[in-house]
């Protein structure tokens, strides 16, 4: 019953039954080589109830660590790195939102080879090609402004690096209050100072167990019969 209840709670977290997690853009749109089964923290504005639920989610993860009753959460590296304070990168965003990451890479890299990105060498048609404003889509598809009045401010050739910086910072930290609540709940069970001694992959394994199957170990412990 205990194992089943843990599994049921993990399944409920990764469903529309609760507003805490949503499918990442790659999973929702069926794109990208990674993240097709991943869930991310819902970036919508928090309510008092959702703060308490995120806090409980952290406690739930901490209980999994303490009891070694692993829970099947499919969360991307971006989640685990943010949880323990590891640096996050554009590649982490790309694992769960390939479309936005690719767009930011194109904007970042077009200065080195404008023609490869369909832009004139002097960048004179950059605005026409990219048609960007100072907004970025969050994981739930909501467009948010990166600067006051950003929705009405086109990104110019000279501002492209600043746009990438602002957009990436927003996407890598799109749900800070929710993550703080999860962290607070987790810390009631396991000190964060201890968890920060581990890598994000190790913390994921402490909570979720091994996600890969060791085929050699499976063969060594499997009895075959022809019955």
C-alpha atoms as a PDB file:
ATOM      1  CA  UNK A   1       0.000   0.000   0.000  1.00  0.00           C
ATOM      2  CA  UNK A   2       2.835   2.433   0.823  1.00  0.00           C
ATOM      3  CA  UNK A   3       4.604   1.809  -2.480  1.00  0.00           C
ATOM      4  CA  UNK A   4       1.330   2.096  -4.370  1.00  0.00           C
ATOM      5  CA  UNK A   5       0.398   5.346  -2.642  1.00  0.00           C
ATOM      6  CA  UNK A   6       3.786   6.859  -3.536  1.00  0.00           C
ATOM      7  CA  UNK A   7       3.327   5.820  -7.171  1.00  0.00           C
ATOM      8  CA  UNK A   8      -0.200   7.225  -7.249  1.00  0.00           C
ATOM      9  CA  UNK A   9       0.955  10.584  -5.883  1.00  0.00           C
ATOM     10  CA  UNK A  10       3.742  10.765  -8.473  1.00  0.00           C
ATOM     11  CA  UNK A  11       1.262   9.987 -11.255  1.00  0.00           C
ATOM     12  CA  UNK A  12      -1.142  12.632  -9.977  1.00  0.00           C
ATOM     13  CA  UNK A  13       1.632  15.227  -9.920  1.00  0.00           C
ATOM     14  CA  UNK A  14       2.303  14.519 -13.602  1.00  0.00           C
ATOM     15  CA  UNK A  15      -1.266  14.947 -14.770  1.00  0.00           C
ATOM     16  CA  UNK A  16      -3.894  17.625 -15.272  1.00  0.00           C
ATOM     17  CA  UNK A  17      -5.374  16.687 -11.892  1.00  0.00           C
ATOM     18  CA  UNK A  18      -3.026  19.171 -10.205  1.00  0.00           C
ATOM     19  CA  UNK A  19      -1.842  22.571 -11.484  1.00  0.00           C
ATOM     20  CA  UNK A  20       1.747  22.131 -10.298  1.00  0.00           C
ATOM     21  CA  UNK A  21       3.438  20.553 -13.305  1.00  0.00           C
ATOM     22  CA  UNK A  22       2.755  20.830 -17.025  1.00  0.00           C
ATOM     23  CA  UNK A  23       4.170  18.974 -19.991  1.00  0.00           C
ATOM     24  CA  UNK A  24       7.233  20.751 -21.336  1.00  0.00           C
ATOM     25  CA  UNK A  25       6.930  22.291 -24.823  1.00  0.00           C
ATOM     26  CA  UNK A  26       8.821  19.405 -26.438  1.00  0.00           C
ATOM     27  CA  UNK A  27       6.391  16.891 -24.936  1.00  0.00           C
ATOM     28  CA  UNK A  28       3.331  18.993 -25.698  1.00  0.00           C
ATOM     29  CA  UNK A  29       4.245  19.552 -29.350  1.00  0.00           C
ATOM     30  CA  UNK A  30       6.077  16.286 -30.021  1.00  0.00           C
ATOM     31  CA  UNK A  31       9.317  17.957 -31.117  1.00  0.00           C
ATOM     32  CA  UNK A  32      12.979  17.706 -30.187  1.00  0.00           C
ATOM     33  CA  UNK A  33      15.238  14.760 -29.508  1.00  0.00           C
ATOM     34  CA  UNK A  34      14.863  15.050 -25.719  1.00  0.00           C
ATOM     35  CA  UNK A  35      12.184  15.868 -23.172  1.00  0.00           C
ATOM     36  CA  UNK A  36       9.302  14.168 -24.951  1.00  0.00           C
ATOM     37  CA  UNK A  37       8.121  12.708 -21.656  1.00  0.00           C
ATOM     38  CA  UNK A  38       9.245  15.542 -19.381  1.00  0.00           C
ATOM     39  CA  UNK A  39       7.188  17.745 -17.092  1.00  0.00           C
ATOM     40  CA  UNK A  40       8.167  21.195 -15.835  1.00  0.00           C
ATOM     41  CA  UNK A  41       7.002  23.484 -13.063  1.00  0.00           C
ATOM     42  CA  UNK A  42       3.949  25.479 -14.095  1.00  0.00           C
ATOM     43  CA  UNK A  43       5.092  29.127 -14.459  1.00  0.00           C
ATOM     44  CA  UNK A  44       1.644  30.622 -13.836  1.00  0.00           C
ATOM     45  CA  UNK A  45       1.097  33.028 -10.924  1.00  0.00           C
ATOM     46  CA  UNK A  46       1.023  31.200  -7.605  1.00  0.00           C
ATOM     47  CA  UNK A  47      -1.927  31.040  -5.241  1.00  0.00           C
ATOM     48  CA  UNK A  48      -1.760  30.311  -1.519  1.00  0.00           C
ATOM     49  CA  UNK A  49      -2.949  26.777  -2.261  1.00  0.00           C
ATOM     50  CA  UNK A  50      -0.347  26.101  -4.948  1.00  0.00           C
ATOM     51  CA  UNK A  51       2.440  27.353  -2.666  1.00  0.00           C
ATOM     52  CA  UNK A  52       1.351  24.809  -0.051  1.00  0.00           C
ATOM     53  CA  UNK A  53       1.151  22.091  -2.703  1.00  0.00           C
ATOM     54  CA  UNK A  54       4.629  22.890  -4.022  1.00  0.00           C
ATOM     55  CA  UNK A  55       5.900  22.800  -0.438  1.00  0.00           C
ATOM     56  CA  UNK A  56       4.329  19.348  -0.060  1.00  0.00           C
ATOM     57  CA  UNK A  57       5.910  18.251  -3.338  1.00  0.00           C
ATOM     58  CA  UNK A  58       9.303  19.111  -1.843  1.00  0.00           C
ATOM     59  CA  UNK A  59       8.498  17.126   1.298  1.00  0.00           C
ATOM     60  CA  UNK A  60       7.356  14.231  -0.883  1.00  0.00           C
ATOM     61  CA  UNK A  61      10.717  14.247  -2.657  1.00  0.00           C
ATOM     62  CA  UNK A  62      12.537  14.410   0.666  1.00  0.00           C
ATOM     63  CA  UNK A  63      10.598  11.412   1.984  1.00  0.00           C
ATOM     64  CA  UNK A  64      11.599   9.493  -1.138  1.00  0.00           C
ATOM     65  CA  UNK A  65      15.251  10.222  -0.376  1.00  0.00           C
ATOM     66  CA  UNK A  66      15.006   9.303   3.308  1.00  0.00           C
ATOM     67  CA  UNK A  67      13.023   6.082   2.798  1.00  0.00           C
ATOM     68  CA  UNK A  68      14.584   5.069  -0.553  1.00  0.00           C
ATOM     69  CA  UNK A  69      11.075   4.608  -1.936  1.00  0.00           C
ATOM     70  CA  UNK A  70      11.861   6.185  -5.272  1.00  0.00           C
ATOM     71  CA  UNK A  71       9.202   8.115  -7.161  1.00  0.00           C
ATOM     72  CA  UNK A  72       8.789   8.176 -10.924  1.00  0.00           C
ATOM     73  CA  UNK A  73       9.080  11.879 -11.680  1.00  0.00           C
ATOM     74  CA  UNK A  74      10.114  12.777 -15.221  1.00  0.00           C
ATOM     75  CA  UNK A  75      11.722  16.189 -14.705  1.00  0.00           C
ATOM     76  CA  UNK A  76      14.424  17.736 -16.917  1.00  0.00           C
ATOM     77  CA  UNK A  77      17.957  18.667 -15.917  1.00  0.00           C
ATOM     78  CA  UNK A  78      16.811  22.291 -15.732  1.00  0.00           C
ATOM     79  CA  UNK A  79      14.582  21.433 -12.762  1.00  0.00           C
ATOM     80  CA  UNK A  80      17.227  19.526 -10.805  1.00  0.00           C
ATOM     81  CA  UNK A  81      19.971  22.074 -11.460  1.00  0.00           C
ATOM     82  CA  UNK A  82      17.720  24.933 -10.361  1.00  0.00           C
ATOM     83  CA  UNK A  83      16.691  22.998  -7.261  1.00  0.00           C
ATOM     84  CA  UNK A  84      20.249  22.670  -5.935  1.00  0.00           C
ATOM     85  CA  UNK A  85      21.688  25.864  -7.395  1.00  0.00           C
ATOM     86  CA  UNK A  86      23.776  24.488 -10.257  1.00  0.00           C
ATOM     87  CA  UNK A  87      24.397  26.785 -13.213  1.00  0.00           C
ATOM     88  CA  UNK A  88      21.921  26.376 -16.066  1.00  0.00           C
ATOM     89  CA  UNK A  89      22.523  26.987 -19.769  1.00  0.00           C
ATOM     90  CA  UNK A  90      20.830  27.357 -23.120  1.00  0.00           C
ATOM     91  CA  UNK A  91      21.394  23.639 -23.678  1.00  0.00           C
ATOM     92  CA  UNK A  92      19.302  22.889 -20.583  1.00  0.00           C
ATOM     93  CA  UNK A  93      16.466  24.951 -22.022  1.00  0.00           C
ATOM     94  CA  UNK A  94      16.827  23.133 -25.335  1.00  0.00           C
ATOM     95  CA  UNK A  95      16.259  19.761 -23.670  1.00  0.00           C
ATOM     96  CA  UNK A  96      12.681  20.744 -22.852  1.00  0.00           C
ATOM     97  CA  UNK A  97      11.928  23.596 -25.311  1.00  0.00           C
ATOM     98  CA  UNK A  98      13.842  23.028 -28.526  1.00  0.00           C
ATOM     99  CA  UNK A  99      11.942  25.657 -30.523  1.00  0.00           C
ATOM    100  CA  UNK A 100      12.723  28.550 -28.186  1.00  0.00           C
ATOM    101  CA  UNK A 101      16.328  27.439 -27.651  1.00  0.00           C
ATOM    102  CA  UNK A 102      16.923  27.160 -31.398  1.00  0.00           C
ATOM    103  CA  UNK A 103      15.450  30.610 -31.961  1.00  0.00           C
ATOM    104  CA  UNK A 104      17.735  32.116 -29.320  1.00  0.00           C
ATOM    105  CA  UNK A 105      20.748  30.374 -30.843  1.00  0.00           C
ATOM    106  CA  UNK A 106      19.902  31.782 -34.271  1.00  0.00           C
ATOM    107  CA  UNK A 107      19.630  35.303 -32.878  1.00  0.00           C
ATOM    108  CA  UNK A 108      22.861  34.874 -30.902  1.00  0.00           C
ATOM    109  CA  UNK A 109      24.859  33.400 -33.766  1.00  0.00           C
ATOM    110  CA  UNK A 110      23.628  35.440 -36.704  1.00  0.00           C
ATOM    111  CA  UNK A 111      26.251  38.103 -36.079  1.00  0.00           C
ATOM    112  CA  UNK A 112      29.053  35.655 -36.941  1.00  0.00           C
ATOM    113  CA  UNK A 113      27.434  34.553 -40.216  1.00  0.00           C
ATOM    114  CA  UNK A 114      24.382  36.672 -41.084  1.00  0.00           C
ATOM    115  CA  UNK A 115      23.851  35.053 -44.486  1.00  0.00           C
ATOM    116  CA  UNK A 116      23.502  31.602 -42.925  1.00  0.00           C
ATOM    117  CA  UNK A 117      20.533  32.927 -40.978  1.00  0.00           C
ATOM    118  CA  UNK A 118      18.962  34.764 -43.894  1.00  0.00           C
ATOM    119  CA  UNK A 119      20.115  38.212 -42.751  1.00  0.00           C
ATOM    120  CA  UNK A 120      22.006  40.824 -44.755  1.00  0.00           C
ATOM    121  CA  UNK A 121      25.650  41.310 -43.815  1.00  0.00           C
ATOM    122  CA  UNK A 122      24.937  44.708 -42.288  1.00  0.00           C
ATOM    123  CA  UNK A 123      21.907  43.417 -40.374  1.00  0.00           C
ATOM    124  CA  UNK A 124      19.620  45.923 -42.057  1.00  0.00           C
ATOM    125  CA  UNK A 125      16.820  43.397 -42.504  1.00  0.00           C
ATOM    126  CA  UNK A 126      17.213  41.671 -39.124  1.00  0.00           C
ATOM    127  CA  UNK A 127      13.889  42.988 -37.812  1.00  0.00           C
ATOM    128  CA  UNK A 128      12.030  41.866 -40.922  1.00  0.00           C
ATOM    129  CA  UNK A 129      13.575  38.386 -40.824  1.00  0.00           C
ATOM    130  CA  UNK A 130      13.128  37.620 -37.121  1.00  0.00           C
ATOM    131  CA  UNK A 131      10.138  39.846 -36.302  1.00  0.00           C
ATOM    132  CA  UNK A 132      10.914  39.785 -32.593  1.00  0.00           C
ATOM    133  CA  UNK A 133       9.747  42.017 -29.796  1.00  0.00           C
ATOM    134  CA  UNK A 134      11.102  42.089 -26.253  1.00  0.00           C
ATOM    135  CA  UNK A 135       8.908  39.181 -25.182  1.00  0.00           C
ATOM    136  CA  UNK A 136       9.487  35.458 -24.735  1.00  0.00           C
ATOM    137  CA  UNK A 137       7.112  32.501 -24.408  1.00  0.00           C
ATOM    138  CA  UNK A 138       7.121  30.623 -21.103  1.00  0.00           C
ATOM    139  CA  UNK A 139       6.695  26.864 -20.863  1.00  0.00           C
ATOM    140  CA  UNK A 140       2.902  27.201 -20.850  1.00  0.00           C
ATOM    141  CA  UNK A 141       2.974  29.341 -23.998  1.00  0.00           C
ATOM    142  CA  UNK A 142       2.278  32.634 -22.217  1.00  0.00           C
ATOM    143  CA  UNK A 143       4.155  35.560 -23.743  1.00  0.00           C
ATOM    144  CA  UNK A 144       5.824  37.756 -21.096  1.00  0.00           C
ATOM    145  CA  UNK A 145       7.529  41.103 -21.526  1.00  0.00           C
ATOM    146  CA  UNK A 146      11.261  41.268 -20.839  1.00  0.00           C
ATOM    147  CA  UNK A 147      11.236  45.034 -20.372  1.00  0.00           C
ATOM    148  CA  UNK A 148       8.416  47.503 -19.684  1.00  0.00           C
ATOM    149  CA  UNK A 149       6.468  47.914 -22.912  1.00  0.00           C
ATOM    150  CA  UNK A 150       8.414  45.047 -24.448  1.00  0.00           C
ATOM    151  CA  UNK A 151       5.485  43.774 -26.512  1.00  0.00           C
ATOM    152  CA  UNK A 152       5.599  46.968 -28.568  1.00  0.00           C
ATOM    153  CA  UNK A 153       9.380  47.259 -28.807  1.00  0.00           C
ATOM    154  CA  UNK A 154      11.014  45.482 -31.803  1.00  0.00           C
ATOM    155  CA  UNK A 155      14.393  43.819 -31.278  1.00  0.00           C
ATOM    156  CA  UNK A 156      16.946  45.578 -33.471  1.00  0.00           C
ATOM    157  CA  UNK A 157      20.218  44.258 -34.864  1.00  0.00           C
ATOM    158  CA  UNK A 158      22.204  46.125 -32.201  1.00  0.00           C
ATOM    159  CA  UNK A 159      19.961  44.838 -29.406  1.00  0.00           C
ATOM    160  CA  UNK A 160      20.014  41.164 -30.338  1.00  0.00           C
ATOM    161  CA  UNK A 161      22.588  40.130 -27.687  1.00  0.00           C
ATOM    162  CA  UNK A 162      20.648  41.959 -24.985  1.00  0.00           C
ATOM    163  CA  UNK A 163      17.452  40.238 -26.089  1.00  0.00           C
ATOM    164  CA  UNK A 164      19.052  36.786 -25.883  1.00  0.00           C
ATOM    165  CA  UNK A 165      20.452  37.586 -22.437  1.00  0.00           C
ATOM    166  CA  UNK A 166      17.092  38.740 -21.075  1.00  0.00           C
ATOM    167  CA  UNK A 167      15.064  35.986 -22.721  1.00  0.00           C
ATOM    168  CA  UNK A 168      17.393  33.227 -21.554  1.00  0.00           C
ATOM    169  CA  UNK A 169      17.502  34.549 -17.998  1.00  0.00           C
ATOM    170  CA  UNK A 170      13.703  34.634 -17.896  1.00  0.00           C
ATOM    171  CA  UNK A 171      13.273  31.125 -19.261  1.00  0.00           C
ATOM    172  CA  UNK A 172      15.928  29.556 -17.053  1.00  0.00           C
ATOM    173  CA  UNK A 173      14.213  30.974 -13.980  1.00  0.00           C
ATOM    174  CA  UNK A 174      10.562  31.181 -14.977  1.00  0.00           C
ATOM    175  CA  UNK A 175       9.039  29.909 -11.720  1.00  0.00           C
ATOM    176  CA  UNK A 176      11.261  31.168  -8.862  1.00  0.00           C
ATOM    177  CA  UNK A 177       8.531  31.259  -6.194  1.00  0.00           C
ATOM    178  CA  UNK A 178       7.406  27.721  -6.973  1.00  0.00           C
ATOM    179  CA  UNK A 179      10.982  26.425  -6.885  1.00  0.00           C
ATOM    180  CA  UNK A 180      11.533  28.211  -3.560  1.00  0.00           C
ATOM    181  CA  UNK A 181       8.457  26.479  -2.124  1.00  0.00           C
ATOM    182  CA  UNK A 182       9.652  23.070  -3.358  1.00  0.00           C
ATOM    183  CA  UNK A 183      13.093  23.746  -1.899  1.00  0.00           C
ATOM    184  CA  UNK A 184      11.587  24.789   1.443  1.00  0.00           C
ATOM    185  CA  UNK A 185       9.536  21.607   1.662  1.00  0.00           C
ATOM    186  CA  UNK A 186      12.481  19.432   0.674  1.00  0.00           C
ATOM    187  CA  UNK A 187      14.671  21.047   3.299  1.00  0.00           C
ATOM    188  CA  UNK A 188      12.298  19.928   6.078  1.00  0.00           C
ATOM    189  CA  UNK A 189      13.390  16.384   5.234  1.00  0.00           C
ATOM    190  CA  UNK A 190      16.951  16.745   3.901  1.00  0.00           C
ATOM    191  CA  UNK A 191      19.282  19.732   4.496  1.00  0.00           C
ATOM    192  CA  UNK A 192      19.963  21.600   1.263  1.00  0.00           C
ATOM    193  CA  UNK A 193      23.582  21.938   2.313  1.00  0.00           C
ATOM    194  CA  UNK A 194      23.861  18.165   2.055  1.00  0.00           C
ATOM    195  CA  UNK A 195      22.122  17.978  -1.332  1.00  0.00           C
ATOM    196  CA  UNK A 196      24.417  20.661  -2.751  1.00  0.00           C
ATOM    197  CA  UNK A 197      27.308  18.263  -2.197  1.00  0.00           C
ATOM    198  CA  UNK A 198      25.844  16.119  -4.980  1.00  0.00           C
ATOM    199  CA  UNK A 199      25.504  16.756  -8.704  1.00  0.00           C
ATOM    200  CA  UNK A 200      22.065  17.249 -10.176  1.00  0.00           C
ATOM    201  CA  UNK A 201      22.170  13.738 -11.655  1.00  0.00           C
ATOM    202  CA  UNK A 202      22.928  12.265  -8.253  1.00  0.00           C
ATOM    203  CA  UNK A 203      20.061  14.182  -6.653  1.00  0.00           C
ATOM    204  CA  UNK A 204      17.714  12.994  -9.386  1.00  0.00           C
ATOM    205  CA  UNK A 205      18.796   9.435  -8.673  1.00  0.00           C
ATOM    206  CA  UNK A 206      18.279   9.904  -4.923  1.00  0.00           C
ATOM    207  CA  UNK A 207      14.682  10.935  -5.579  1.00  0.00           C
ATOM    208  CA  UNK A 208      13.748   8.872  -8.627  1.00  0.00           C
ATOM    209  CA  UNK A 209      16.164   5.941  -8.621  1.00  0.00           C
ATOM    210  CA  UNK A 210      17.891   4.756 -11.778  1.00  0.00           C
ATOM    211  CA  UNK A 211      16.053   5.574 -14.977  1.00  0.00           C
ATOM    212  CA  UNK A 212      18.277   3.391 -17.157  1.00  0.00           C
ATOM    213  CA  UNK A 213      18.128  -0.415 -17.256  1.00  0.00           C
ATOM    214  CA  UNK A 214      21.399  -2.321 -16.692  1.00  0.00           C
ATOM    215  CA  UNK A 215      20.950  -5.136 -19.219  1.00  0.00           C
ATOM    216  CA  UNK A 216      23.945  -7.112 -17.984  1.00  0.00           C
ATOM    217  CA  UNK A 217      22.655  -7.031 -14.417  1.00  0.00           C
ATOM    218  CA  UNK A 218      19.205  -8.031 -15.666  1.00  0.00           C
ATOM    219  CA  UNK A 219      20.634 -11.008 -17.577  1.00  0.00           C
ATOM    220  CA  UNK A 220      22.703 -12.119 -14.591  1.00  0.00           C
ATOM    221  CA  UNK A 221      19.621 -12.207 -12.369  1.00  0.00           C
ATOM    222  CA  UNK A 222      17.092 -13.635 -14.804  1.00  0.00           C
ATOM    223  CA  UNK A 223      16.110 -17.308 -14.981  1.00  0.00           C
ATOM    224  CA  UNK A 224      15.060 -18.537 -18.415  1.00  0.00           C
ATOM    225  CA  UNK A 225      12.736 -21.468 -19.009  1.00  0.00           C
ATOM    226  CA  UNK A 226      10.942 -22.937 -21.996  1.00  0.00           C
ATOM    227  CA  UNK A 227       7.710 -23.719 -20.144  1.00  0.00           C
END
